[in-house]
Amino acid sequence: MSFRVSDDEFRALTDVCLSRGFPSYSDLVRTAVHELLSNRGGLGLSAVQGAVESLSKRIDLLESDLKEVIQSAKKE
């Protein structure tokens, strides 16, 4: 199975893989699909989408904060 993602989605997936300790994108996707199919914790598709969007926003904020820290360090 294959699917396309945008550059932003790819970066978000990469960040999720690293932060959650998934060794590969395939492991992350398999886990997400398994949880979706088994409906663990009552998570439906909209809840999963909401969680991914929330994580993506948090990643964007962290990236912005990191850039500010780097810029501040360069000025010193």
PDB file of N, CA and C in Angstrom:
ATOM      1  N   MET A   1       0.853  -1.160   0.000  1.00  0.00           N
ATOM      2  CA  MET A   1       0.000   0.000   0.000  1.00  0.00           C
ATOM      3  C   MET A   1       0.901   1.226   0.000  1.00  0.00           C
ATOM      4  N   SER A   2       0.502   2.220  -0.738  1.00  0.00           N
ATOM      5  CA  SER A   2       1.260   3.469  -0.725  1.00  0.00           C
ATOM      6  C   SER A   2       0.284   4.627  -0.821  1.00  0.00           C
ATOM      7  N   PHE A   3       0.721   5.772  -0.345  1.00  0.00           N
ATOM      8  CA  PHE A   3      -0.090   6.977  -0.441  1.00  0.00           C
ATOM      9  C   PHE A   3       0.834   8.180  -0.400  1.00  0.00           C
ATOM     10  N   ARG A   4       0.319   9.287  -0.881  1.00  0.00           N
ATOM     11  CA  ARG A   4       1.113  10.507  -0.946  1.00  0.00           C
ATOM     12  C   ARG A   4       0.739  11.432   0.204  1.00  0.00           C
ATOM     13  N   VAL A   5       1.735  12.170   0.678  1.00  0.00           N
ATOM     14  CA  VAL A   5       1.501  13.179   1.706  1.00  0.00           C
ATOM     15  C   VAL A   5       2.204  14.464   1.278  1.00  0.00           C
ATOM     16  N   SER A   6       1.723  15.575   1.802  1.00  0.00           N
ATOM     17  CA  SER A   6       2.364  16.859   1.509  1.00  0.00           C
ATOM     18  C   SER A   6       3.695  16.943   2.265  1.00  0.00           C
ATOM     19  N   ASP A   7       4.486  17.934   1.942  1.00  0.00           N
ATOM     20  CA  ASP A   7       5.754  18.127   2.652  1.00  0.00           C
ATOM     21  C   ASP A   7       5.516  18.353   4.141  1.00  0.00           C
ATOM     22  N   ASP A   8       4.489  19.145   4.466  1.00  0.00           N
ATOM     23  CA  ASP A   8       4.172  19.400   5.877  1.00  0.00           C
ATOM     24  C   ASP A   8       3.740  18.120   6.580  1.00  0.00           C
ATOM     25  N   GLU A   9       2.923  17.330   5.910  1.00  0.00           N
ATOM     26  CA  GLU A   9       2.485  16.067   6.497  1.00  0.00           C
ATOM     27  C   GLU A   9       3.668  15.121   6.690  1.00  0.00           C
ATOM     28  N   PHE A  10       4.587  15.118   5.744  1.00  0.00           N
ATOM     29  CA  PHE A  10       5.774  14.264   5.858  1.00  0.00           C
ATOM     30  C   PHE A  10       6.608  14.671   7.065  1.00  0.00           C
ATOM     31  N   ARG A  11       6.805  15.982   7.232  1.00  0.00           N
ATOM     32  CA  ARG A  11       7.576  16.458   8.395  1.00  0.00           C
ATOM     33  C   ARG A  11       6.865  16.084   9.696  1.00  0.00           C
ATOM     34  N   ALA A  12       5.547  16.241   9.723  1.00  0.00           N
ATOM     35  CA  ALA A  12       4.791  15.894  10.929  1.00  0.00           C
ATOM     36  C   ALA A  12       4.898  14.402  11.225  1.00  0.00           C
ATOM     37  N   LEU A  13       4.802  13.572  10.188  1.00  0.00           N
ATOM     38  CA  LEU A  13       4.944  12.120  10.386  1.00  0.00           C
ATOM     39  C   LEU A  13       6.336  11.765  10.888  1.00  0.00           C
ATOM     40  N   THR A  14       7.340  12.425  10.332  1.00  0.00           N
ATOM     41  CA  THR A  14       8.714  12.191  10.769  1.00  0.00           C
ATOM     42  C   THR A  14       8.866  12.548  12.246  1.00  0.00           C
ATOM     43  N   ASP A  15       8.309  13.698  12.630  1.00  0.00           N
ATOM     44  CA  ASP A  15       8.387  14.123  14.029  1.00  0.00           C
ATOM     45  C   ASP A  15       7.662  13.153  14.954  1.00  0.00           C
ATOM     46  N   VAL A  16       6.502  12.673  14.520  1.00  0.00           N
ATOM     47  CA  VAL A  16       5.750  11.711  15.337  1.00  0.00           C
ATOM     48  C   VAL A  16       6.542  10.416  15.475  1.00  0.00           C
ATOM     49  N   CYS A  17       7.126   9.953  14.384  1.00  0.00           N
ATOM     50  CA  CYS A  17       7.941   8.725  14.439  1.00  0.00           C
ATOM     51  C   CYS A  17       9.066   8.877  15.452  1.00  0.00           C
ATOM     52  N   LEU A  18       9.766  10.006  15.377  1.00  0.00           N
ATOM     53  CA  LEU A  18      10.895  10.220  16.283  1.00  0.00           C
ATOM     54  C   LEU A  18      10.437  10.358  17.730  1.00  0.00           C
ATOM     55  N   SER A  19       9.385  11.143  17.960  1.00  0.00           N
ATOM     56  CA  SER A  19       8.961  11.400  19.335  1.00  0.00           C
ATOM     57  C   SER A  19       8.309  10.184  19.988  1.00  0.00           C
ATOM     58  N   ARG A  20       7.701   9.322  19.194  1.00  0.00           N
ATOM     59  CA  ARG A  20       7.020   8.145  19.741  1.00  0.00           C
ATOM     60  C   ARG A  20       7.857   6.871  19.641  1.00  0.00           C
ATOM     61  N   GLY A  21       9.045   6.983  19.054  1.00  0.00           N
ATOM     62  CA  GLY A  21       9.947   5.836  19.004  1.00  0.00           C
ATOM     63  C   GLY A  21       9.612   4.792  17.950  1.00  0.00           C
ATOM     64  N   PHE A  22       8.881   5.184  16.916  1.00  0.00           N
ATOM     65  CA  PHE A  22       8.599   4.240  15.840  1.00  0.00           C
ATOM     66  C   PHE A  22       9.836   4.115  14.954  1.00  0.00           C
ATOM     67  N   PRO A  23      10.273   2.899  14.671  1.00  0.00           N
ATOM     68  CA  PRO A  23      11.474   2.723  13.855  1.00  0.00           C
ATOM     69  C   PRO A  23      11.253   3.038  12.366  1.00  0.00           C
ATOM     70  N   SER A  24       9.989   3.071  11.937  1.00  0.00           N
ATOM     71  CA  SER A  24       9.723   3.351  10.521  1.00  0.00           C
ATOM     72  C   SER A  24       8.327   3.933  10.373  1.00  0.00           C
ATOM     73  N   TYR A  25       8.091   4.542   9.204  1.00  0.00           N
ATOM     74  CA  TYR A  25       6.764   5.070   8.894  1.00  0.00           C
ATOM     75  C   TYR A  25       5.756   3.926   8.839  1.00  0.00           C
ATOM     76  N   SER A  26       6.182   2.793   8.319  1.00  0.00           N
ATOM     77  CA  SER A  26       5.286   1.640   8.215  1.00  0.00           C
ATOM     78  C   SER A  26       4.776   1.224   9.584  1.00  0.00           C
ATOM     79  N   ASP A  27       5.653   1.214  10.582  1.00  0.00           N
ATOM     80  CA  ASP A  27       5.234   0.847  11.939  1.00  0.00           C
ATOM     81  C   ASP A  27       4.222   1.849  12.489  1.00  0.00           C
ATOM     82  N   LEU A  28       4.463   3.134  12.245  1.00  0.00           N
ATOM     83  CA  LEU A  28       3.535   4.163  12.695  1.00  0.00           C
ATOM     84  C   LEU A  28       2.171   3.989  12.042  1.00  0.00           C
ATOM     85  N   VAL A  29       2.156   3.813  10.738  1.00  0.00           N
ATOM     86  CA  VAL A  29       0.894   3.678  10.004  1.00  0.00           C
ATOM     87  C   VAL A  29       0.159   2.403  10.413  1.00  0.00           C
ATOM     88  N   ARG A  30       0.891   1.294  10.539  1.00  0.00           N
ATOM     89  CA  ARG A  30       0.257   0.042  10.961  1.00  0.00           C
ATOM     90  C   ARG A  30      -0.388   0.197  12.333  1.00  0.00           C
ATOM     91  N   THR A  31       0.307   0.857  13.249  1.00  0.00           N
ATOM     92  CA  THR A  31      -0.239   1.071  14.592  1.00  0.00           C
ATOM     93  C   THR A  31      -1.491   1.942  14.536  1.00  0.00           C
ATOM     94  N   ALA A  32      -1.433   3.019  13.763  1.00  0.00           N
ATOM     95  CA  ALA A  32      -2.590   3.910  13.649  1.00  0.00           C
ATOM     96  C   ALA A  32      -3.783   3.189  13.038  1.00  0.00           C
ATOM     97  N   VAL A  33      -3.538   2.409  11.992  1.00  0.00           N
ATOM     98  CA  VAL A  33      -4.628   1.668  11.344  1.00  0.00           C
ATOM     99  C   VAL A  33      -5.184   0.617  12.293  1.00  0.00           C
ATOM    100  N   HIS A  34      -4.310  -0.082  12.992  1.00  0.00           N
ATOM    101  CA  HIS A  34      -4.761  -1.107  13.937  1.00  0.00           C
ATOM    102  C   HIS A  34      -5.650  -0.478  15.006  1.00  0.00           C
ATOM    103  N   GLU A  35      -5.220   0.647  15.550  1.00  0.00           N
ATOM    104  CA  GLU A  35      -6.015   1.304  16.587  1.00  0.00           C
ATOM    105  C   GLU A  35      -7.333   1.812  16.020  1.00  0.00           C
ATOM    106  N   LEU A  36      -7.318   2.309  14.816  1.00  0.00           N
ATOM    107  CA  LEU A  36      -8.546   2.773  14.182  1.00  0.00           C
ATOM    108  C   LEU A  36      -9.519   1.619  13.973  1.00  0.00           C
ATOM    109  N   LEU A  37      -9.013   0.496  13.478  1.00  0.00           N
ATOM    110  CA  LEU A  37      -9.864  -0.662  13.218  1.00  0.00           C
ATOM    111  C   LEU A  37     -10.402  -1.292  14.490  1.00  0.00           C
ATOM    112  N   SER A  38      -9.586  -1.304  15.522  1.00  0.00           N
ATOM    113  CA  SER A  38     -10.034  -1.909  16.778  1.00  0.00           C
ATOM    114  C   SER A  38     -10.783  -0.913  17.644  1.00  0.00           C
ATOM    115  N   ASN A  39     -10.769   0.360  17.221  1.00  0.00           N
ATOM    116  CA  ASN A  39     -11.493   1.432  17.912  1.00  0.00           C
ATOM    117  C   ASN A  39     -11.121   1.503  19.385  1.00  0.00           C
ATOM    118  N   ARG A  40      -9.842   1.393  19.662  1.00  0.00           N
ATOM    119  CA  ARG A  40      -9.347   1.453  21.045  1.00  0.00           C
ATOM    120  C   ARG A  40      -9.684   2.793  21.675  1.00  0.00           C
ATOM    121  N   GLY A  41     -10.124   2.730  22.891  1.00  0.00           N
ATOM    122  CA  GLY A  41     -10.387   3.955  23.639  1.00  0.00           C
ATOM    123  C   GLY A  41     -11.504   4.783  23.039  1.00  0.00           C
ATOM    124  N   GLY A  42     -12.324   4.187  22.183  1.00  0.00           N
ATOM    125  CA  GLY A  42     -13.428   4.920  21.594  1.00  0.00           C
ATOM    126  C   GLY A  42     -13.007   5.917  20.534  1.00  0.00           C
ATOM    127  N   LEU A  43     -11.794   5.815  20.061  1.00  0.00           N
ATOM    128  CA  LEU A  43     -11.325   6.754  19.050  1.00  0.00           C
ATOM    129  C   LEU A  43     -11.925   6.433  17.692  1.00  0.00           C
ATOM    130  N   GLY A  44     -12.643   7.368  17.153  1.00  0.00           N
ATOM    131  CA  GLY A  44     -13.145   7.240  15.796  1.00  0.00           C
ATOM    132  C   GLY A  44     -12.234   8.005  14.859  1.00  0.00           C
ATOM    133  N   LEU A  45     -12.565   7.990  13.587  1.00  0.00           N
ATOM    134  CA  LEU A  45     -11.737   8.673  12.593  1.00  0.00           C
ATOM    135  C   LEU A  45     -11.602  10.147  12.900  1.00  0.00           C
ATOM    136  N   SER A  46     -12.681  10.808  13.302  1.00  0.00           N
ATOM    137  CA  SER A  46     -12.598  12.246  13.579  1.00  0.00           C
ATOM    138  C   SER A  46     -11.693  12.522  14.778  1.00  0.00           C
ATOM    139  N   ALA A  47     -11.696  11.640  15.767  1.00  0.00           N
ATOM    140  CA  ALA A  47     -10.819  11.824  16.925  1.00  0.00           C
ATOM    141  C   ALA A  47      -9.365  11.657  16.533  1.00  0.00           C
ATOM    142  N   VAL A  48      -9.091  10.685  15.677  1.00  0.00           N
ATOM    143  CA  VAL A  48      -7.717  10.475  15.203  1.00  0.00           C
ATOM    144  C   VAL A  48      -7.265  11.679  14.385  1.00  0.00           C
ATOM    145  N   GLN A  49      -8.134  12.156  13.501  1.00  0.00           N
ATOM    146  CA  GLN A  49      -7.794  13.330  12.703  1.00  0.00           C
ATOM    147  C   GLN A  49      -7.542  14.533  13.600  1.00  0.00           C
ATOM    148  N   GLY A  50      -8.371  14.699  14.611  1.00  0.00           N
ATOM    149  CA  GLY A  50      -8.187  15.808  15.546  1.00  0.00           C
ATOM    150  C   GLY A  50      -6.874  15.697  16.297  1.00  0.00           C
ATOM    151  N   ALA A  51      -6.536  14.492  16.704  1.00  0.00           N
ATOM    152  CA  ALA A  51      -5.274  14.285  17.419  1.00  0.00           C
ATOM    153  C   ALA A  51      -4.080  14.584  16.524  1.00  0.00           C
ATOM    154  N   VAL A  52      -4.153  14.154  15.270  1.00  0.00           N
ATOM    155  CA  VAL A  52      -3.054  14.418  14.327  1.00  0.00           C
ATOM    156  C   VAL A  52      -2.936  15.918  14.072  1.00  0.00           C
ATOM    157  N   GLU A  53      -4.062  16.592  13.894  1.00  0.00           N
ATOM    158  CA  GLU A  53      -4.024  18.045  13.676  1.00  0.00           C
ATOM    159  C   GLU A  53      -3.444  18.760  14.896  1.00  0.00           C
ATOM    160  N   SER A  54      -3.846  18.322  16.076  1.00  0.00           N
ATOM    161  CA  SER A  54      -3.324  18.913  17.305  1.00  0.00           C
ATOM    162  C   SER A  54      -1.815  18.717  17.413  1.00  0.00           C
ATOM    163  N   LEU A  55      -1.365  17.500  17.135  1.00  0.00           N
ATOM    164  CA  LEU A  55       0.078  17.228  17.163  1.00  0.00           C
ATOM    165  C   LEU A  55       0.816  18.063  16.131  1.00  0.00           C
ATOM    166  N   SER A  56       0.243  18.198  14.957  1.00  0.00           N
ATOM    167  CA  SER A  56       0.868  18.990  13.903  1.00  0.00           C
ATOM    168  C   SER A  56       1.019  20.444  14.341  1.00  0.00           C
ATOM    169  N   LYS A  57      -0.013  21.000  14.966  1.00  0.00           N
ATOM    170  CA  LYS A  57       0.056  22.383  15.450  1.00  0.00           C
ATOM    171  C   LYS A  57       1.115  22.527  16.531  1.00  0.00           C
ATOM    172  N   ARG A  58       1.173  21.545  17.435  1.00  0.00           N
ATOM    173  CA  ARG A  58       2.174  21.599  18.501  1.00  0.00           C
ATOM    174  C   ARG A  58       3.586  21.513  17.924  1.00  0.00           C
ATOM    175  N   ILE A  59       3.761  20.683  16.915  1.00  0.00           N
ATOM    176  CA  ILE A  59       5.067  20.545  16.260  1.00  0.00           C
ATOM    177  C   ILE A  59       5.448  21.862  15.602  1.00  0.00           C
ATOM    178  N   ASP A  60       4.484  22.503  14.931  1.00  0.00           N
ATOM    179  CA  ASP A  60       4.748  23.797  14.299  1.00  0.00           C
ATOM    180  C   ASP A  60       5.171  24.834  15.330  1.00  0.00           C
ATOM    181  N   LEU A  61       4.488  24.865  16.476  1.00  0.00           N
ATOM    182  CA  LEU A  61       4.850  25.805  17.536  1.00  0.00           C
ATOM    183  C   LEU A  61       6.249  25.527  18.082  1.00  0.00           C
ATOM    184  N   LEU A  62       6.555  24.250  18.288  1.00  0.00           N
ATOM    185  CA  LEU A  62       7.891  23.892  18.762  1.00  0.00           C
ATOM    186  C   LEU A  62       8.963  24.287  17.763  1.00  0.00           C
ATOM    187  N   GLU A  63       8.685  24.077  16.484  1.00  0.00           N
ATOM    188  CA  GLU A  63       9.637  24.453  15.441  1.00  0.00           C
ATOM    189  C   GLU A  63       9.870  25.958  15.455  1.00  0.00           C
ATOM    190  N   SER A  64       8.796  26.720  15.600  1.00  0.00           N
ATOM    191  CA  SER A  64       8.903  28.179  15.661  1.00  0.00           C
ATOM    192  C   SER A  64       9.714  28.615  16.876  1.00  0.00           C
ATOM    193  N   ASP A  65       9.426  28.010  18.026  1.00  0.00           N
ATOM    194  CA  ASP A  65      10.165  28.333  19.246  1.00  0.00           C
ATOM    195  C   ASP A  65      11.644  27.993  19.105  1.00  0.00           C
ATOM    196  N   LEU A  66      11.931  26.862  18.497  1.00  0.00           N
ATOM    197  CA  LEU A  66      13.321  26.451  18.297  1.00  0.00           C
ATOM    198  C   LEU A  66      14.058  27.429  17.390  1.00  0.00           C
ATOM    199  N   LYS A  67      13.397  27.886  16.342  1.00  0.00           N
ATOM    200  CA  LYS A  67      14.014  28.870  15.443  1.00  0.00           C
ATOM    201  C   LYS A  67      14.324  30.162  16.191  1.00  0.00           C
ATOM    202  N   GLU A  68      13.414  30.585  17.080  1.00  0.00           N
ATOM    203  CA  GLU A  68      13.658  31.787  17.872  1.00  0.00           C
ATOM    204  C   GLU A  68      14.857  31.609  18.796  1.00  0.00           C
ATOM    205  N   VAL A  69      14.956  30.437  19.419  1.00  0.00           N
ATOM    206  CA  VAL A  69      16.080  30.170  20.314  1.00  0.00           C
ATOM    207  C   VAL A  69      17.392  30.196  19.536  1.00  0.00           C
ATOM    208  N   ILE A  70      17.393  29.601  18.352  1.00  0.00           N
ATOM    209  CA  ILE A  70      18.589  29.588  17.517  1.00  0.00           C
ATOM    210  C   ILE A  70      18.983  30.993  17.102  1.00  0.00           C
ATOM    211  N   GLN A  71      17.999  31.802  16.716  1.00  0.00           N
ATOM    212  CA  GLN A  71      18.281  33.187  16.315  1.00  0.00           C
ATOM    213  C   GLN A  71      18.830  33.982  17.491  1.00  0.00           C
ATOM    214  N   SER A  72      18.271  33.790  18.661  1.00  0.00           N
ATOM    215  CA  SER A  72      18.745  34.483  19.859  1.00  0.00           C
ATOM    216  C   SER A  72      20.185  34.094  20.185  1.00  0.00           C
ATOM    217  N   ALA A  73      20.479  32.812  20.051  1.00  0.00           N
ATOM    218  CA  ALA A  73      21.831  32.317  20.332  1.00  0.00           C
ATOM    219  C   ALA A  73      22.834  32.891  19.342  1.00  0.00           C
ATOM    220  N   LYS A  74      22.428  33.066  18.102  1.00  0.00           N
ATOM    221  CA  LYS A  74      23.328  33.620  17.083  1.00  0.00           C
ATOM    222  C   LYS A  74      23.649  35.083  17.362  1.00  0.00           C
ATOM    223  N   LYS A  75      22.701  35.803  17.962  1.00  0.00           N
ATOM    224  CA  LYS A  75      22.895  37.221  18.248  1.00  0.00           C
ATOM    225  C   LYS A  75      23.847  37.446  19.414  1.00  0.00           C
ATOM    226  N   GLU A  76      23.955  36.449  20.271  1.00  0.00           N
ATOM    227  CA  GLU A  76      24.818  36.580  21.466  1.00  0.00           C
ATOM    228  C   GLU A  76      26.239  36.372  21.160  1.00  0.00           C
TER     229      GLU A  76
END
